[in-house]
Amino acid sequence: MNQIVKDTADLMELLPENDQMLAYEIIKKLVLAWDPDFTKVTPAEGTRIEDAEKSMAEEGTISHKNIDWD
């Protein structure tokens, strides 16, 4: 996680609960303004997606009928 994000989360934990919720709502509005449809991914998410796609291409997937769902 980015150090700025960690520092921000640490600072938010110092706030009273009502102020934490206010800060959360402000951050949520900023994220929605940046990406209203949640179509963008963070660099870490992009890496995980690439890794998963590579793994599926190289190793395939497991058939639903081969999974013990019980």
N, C-alpha and C. Protein backbone atom coordinates (compact mmCIF):
# COMPACT_ATOMS: atom_id res chain seq x y z
N MET A 1 0.85 -1.17 0.00
CA MET A 1 0.00 0.00 0.00
C MET A 1 0.89 1.23 0.00
N ASN A 2 0.48 2.20 -0.72
CA ASN A 2 1.20 3.45 -0.80
C ASN A 2 1.36 4.08 0.59
N GLN A 3 2.52 4.63 0.89
CA GLN A 3 2.78 5.20 2.21
C GLN A 3 1.83 6.35 2.54
N ILE A 4 1.46 7.13 1.54
CA ILE A 4 0.52 8.24 1.78
C ILE A 4 -0.83 7.69 2.24
N VAL A 5 -1.26 6.61 1.62
CA VAL A 5 -2.54 6.00 2.00
C VAL A 5 -2.46 5.47 3.43
N LYS A 6 -1.34 4.80 3.76
CA LYS A 6 -1.15 4.30 5.13
C LYS A 6 -1.16 5.44 6.14
N ASP A 7 -0.44 6.51 5.82
CA ASP A 7 -0.40 7.66 6.73
C ASP A 7 -1.78 8.27 6.91
N THR A 8 -2.54 8.37 5.81
CA THR A 8 -3.89 8.93 5.88
C THR A 8 -4.78 8.06 6.74
N ALA A 9 -4.70 6.74 6.56
CA ALA A 9 -5.51 5.83 7.38
C ALA A 9 -5.14 5.95 8.85
N ASP A 10 -3.84 6.05 9.13
CA ASP A 10 -3.40 6.20 10.52
C ASP A 10 -3.95 7.49 11.14
N LEU A 11 -3.91 8.57 10.37
CA LEU A 11 -4.43 9.85 10.87
C LEU A 11 -5.94 9.78 11.09
N MET A 12 -6.64 9.12 10.19
CA MET A 12 -8.09 9.02 10.33
C MET A 12 -8.47 8.27 11.60
N GLU A 13 -7.66 7.29 11.99
CA GLU A 13 -7.97 6.53 13.20
C GLU A 13 -7.87 7.38 14.46
N LEU A 14 -7.16 8.50 14.39
CA LEU A 14 -7.04 9.40 15.53
C LEU A 14 -8.29 10.25 15.73
N LEU A 15 -9.10 10.38 14.67
CA LEU A 15 -10.28 11.22 14.73
C LEU A 15 -11.42 10.54 15.49
N PRO A 16 -12.31 11.36 16.08
CA PRO A 16 -13.53 10.78 16.65
C PRO A 16 -14.34 10.09 15.54
N GLU A 17 -15.18 9.15 15.90
CA GLU A 17 -15.91 8.34 14.92
C GLU A 17 -16.72 9.19 13.93
N ASN A 18 -17.41 10.23 14.42
CA ASN A 18 -18.19 11.09 13.52
C ASN A 18 -17.29 11.75 12.48
N ASP A 19 -16.13 12.21 12.91
CA ASP A 19 -15.20 12.86 11.98
C ASP A 19 -14.60 11.84 11.01
N GLN A 20 -14.41 10.61 11.48
CA GLN A 20 -13.94 9.55 10.58
C GLN A 20 -14.94 9.34 9.46
N MET A 21 -16.22 9.31 9.80
CA MET A 21 -17.26 9.11 8.79
C MET A 21 -17.30 10.28 7.82
N LEU A 22 -17.11 11.49 8.31
CA LEU A 22 -17.08 12.67 7.44
C LEU A 22 -15.90 12.57 6.47
N ALA A 23 -14.73 12.22 6.99
CA ALA A 23 -13.55 12.07 6.14
C ALA A 23 -13.78 10.97 5.10
N TYR A 24 -14.39 9.87 5.52
CA TYR A 24 -14.70 8.77 4.60
C TYR A 24 -15.60 9.25 3.46
N GLU A 25 -16.64 9.99 3.80
CA GLU A 25 -17.57 10.47 2.77
C GLU A 25 -16.88 11.43 1.81
N ILE A 26 -15.99 12.26 2.31
CA ILE A 26 -15.24 13.18 1.44
C ILE A 26 -14.34 12.38 0.50
N ILE A 27 -13.63 11.41 1.03
CA ILE A 27 -12.75 10.58 0.20
C ILE A 27 -13.58 9.82 -0.84
N LYS A 28 -14.73 9.31 -0.43
CA LYS A 28 -15.61 8.59 -1.36
C LYS A 28 -16.04 9.51 -2.50
N LYS A 29 -16.39 10.76 -2.19
CA LYS A 29 -16.78 11.71 -3.23
C LYS A 29 -15.62 11.98 -4.19
N LEU A 30 -14.41 12.08 -3.66
CA LEU A 30 -13.24 12.30 -4.52
C LEU A 30 -13.02 11.12 -5.46
N VAL A 31 -13.15 9.91 -4.94
CA VAL A 31 -12.96 8.71 -5.77
C VAL A 31 -14.04 8.64 -6.84
N LEU A 32 -15.29 8.91 -6.46
CA LEU A 32 -16.37 8.88 -7.44
C LEU A 32 -16.20 9.96 -8.51
N ALA A 33 -15.67 11.11 -8.14
CA ALA A 33 -15.42 12.16 -9.12
C ALA A 33 -14.31 11.74 -10.08
N TRP A 34 -13.33 11.01 -9.56
CA TRP A 34 -12.21 10.53 -10.37
C TRP A 34 -12.65 9.42 -11.30
N ASP A 35 -13.52 8.52 -10.80
CA ASP A 35 -13.94 7.36 -11.58
C ASP A 35 -15.38 6.99 -11.22
N PRO A 36 -16.36 7.68 -11.80
CA PRO A 36 -17.75 7.47 -11.40
C PRO A 36 -18.28 6.06 -11.65
N ASP A 37 -17.70 5.33 -12.57
CA ASP A 37 -18.19 3.98 -12.87
C ASP A 37 -17.29 2.90 -12.28
N PHE A 38 -16.30 3.27 -11.47
CA PHE A 38 -15.36 2.33 -10.88
C PHE A 38 -14.70 1.46 -11.95
N THR A 39 -14.30 2.10 -13.06
CA THR A 39 -13.69 1.34 -14.15
C THR A 39 -12.17 1.37 -14.11
N LYS A 40 -11.60 2.30 -13.36
CA LYS A 40 -10.15 2.38 -13.26
C LYS A 40 -9.68 1.43 -12.17
N VAL A 41 -8.45 0.98 -12.29
CA VAL A 41 -7.87 0.12 -11.26
C VAL A 41 -6.58 0.77 -10.76
N THR A 42 -6.24 0.44 -9.53
CA THR A 42 -4.99 0.93 -8.97
C THR A 42 -3.84 0.15 -9.60
N PRO A 43 -2.61 0.63 -9.47
CA PRO A 43 -1.48 -0.14 -9.99
C PRO A 43 -1.41 -1.55 -9.38
N ALA A 44 -1.70 -1.67 -8.10
CA ALA A 44 -1.67 -2.99 -7.46
C ALA A 44 -2.76 -3.90 -8.02
N GLU A 45 -3.95 -3.34 -8.24
CA GLU A 45 -5.03 -4.13 -8.83
C GLU A 45 -4.67 -4.56 -10.25
N GLY A 46 -4.06 -3.64 -11.01
CA GLY A 46 -3.64 -3.96 -12.37
C GLY A 46 -2.65 -5.12 -12.40
N THR A 47 -1.72 -5.12 -11.46
CA THR A 47 -0.75 -6.20 -11.37
C THR A 47 -1.43 -7.52 -11.05
N ARG A 48 -2.37 -7.50 -10.09
CA ARG A 48 -3.10 -8.73 -9.74
C ARG A 48 -3.92 -9.25 -10.91
N ILE A 49 -4.54 -8.34 -11.66
CA ILE A 49 -5.32 -8.75 -12.83
C ILE A 49 -4.40 -9.39 -13.88
N GLU A 50 -3.26 -8.75 -14.15
CA GLU A 50 -2.31 -9.30 -15.11
C GLU A 50 -1.81 -10.67 -14.67
N ASP A 51 -1.48 -10.81 -13.39
CA ASP A 51 -1.02 -12.10 -12.86
C ASP A 51 -2.09 -13.18 -13.01
N ALA A 52 -3.33 -12.83 -12.71
CA ALA A 52 -4.42 -13.80 -12.82
C ALA A 52 -4.64 -14.21 -14.28
N GLU A 53 -4.60 -13.23 -15.19
CA GLU A 53 -4.78 -13.55 -16.61
C GLU A 53 -3.65 -14.44 -17.12
N LYS A 54 -2.43 -14.16 -16.68
CA LYS A 54 -1.28 -14.97 -17.09
C LYS A 54 -1.43 -16.40 -16.55
N SER A 55 -1.83 -16.51 -15.28
CA SER A 55 -2.02 -17.82 -14.66
C SER A 55 -3.10 -18.62 -15.39
N MET A 56 -4.21 -17.97 -15.73
CA MET A 56 -5.28 -18.67 -16.43
C MET A 56 -4.83 -19.10 -17.82
N ALA A 57 -4.05 -18.26 -18.50
CA ALA A 57 -3.57 -18.61 -19.85
C ALA A 57 -2.59 -19.78 -19.80
N GLU A 58 -1.74 -19.81 -18.76
CA GLU A 58 -0.72 -20.86 -18.66
C GLU A 58 -1.26 -22.14 -18.04
N GLU A 59 -2.11 -22.02 -17.03
CA GLU A 59 -2.54 -23.18 -16.26
C GLU A 59 -4.00 -23.56 -16.49
N GLY A 60 -4.76 -22.70 -17.14
CA GLY A 60 -6.18 -22.96 -17.35
C GLY A 60 -6.97 -22.71 -16.09
N THR A 61 -8.19 -23.18 -16.09
CA THR A 61 -9.07 -23.01 -14.95
C THR A 61 -9.61 -24.37 -14.52
N ILE A 62 -10.29 -24.39 -13.39
CA ILE A 62 -10.88 -25.63 -12.88
C ILE A 62 -12.35 -25.65 -13.27
N SER A 63 -12.80 -26.77 -13.80
CA SER A 63 -14.21 -26.92 -14.17
C SER A 63 -15.07 -26.94 -12.92
N HIS A 64 -16.26 -26.35 -13.02
CA HIS A 64 -17.20 -26.34 -11.89
C HIS A 64 -17.55 -27.76 -11.46
N LYS A 65 -17.62 -28.68 -12.42
CA LYS A 65 -18.00 -30.05 -12.07
C LYS A 65 -16.90 -30.77 -11.29
N ASN A 66 -15.68 -30.23 -11.29
CA ASN A 66 -14.57 -30.85 -10.55
C ASN A 66 -14.39 -30.26 -9.16
N ILE A 67 -15.28 -29.37 -8.76
CA ILE A 67 -15.20 -28.74 -7.43
C ILE A 67 -16.22 -29.38 -6.52
N ASP A 68 -15.78 -29.75 -5.33
CA ASP A 68 -16.69 -30.28 -4.32
C ASP A 68 -17.35 -29.08 -3.61
N TRP A 69 -18.55 -28.77 -3.97
CA TRP A 69 -19.23 -27.59 -3.45
C TRP A 69 -19.85 -27.83 -2.07
N ASP A 70 -19.75 -29.04 -1.56
CA ASP A 70 -20.34 -29.33 -0.26
C ASP A 70 -19.37 -29.19 0.83
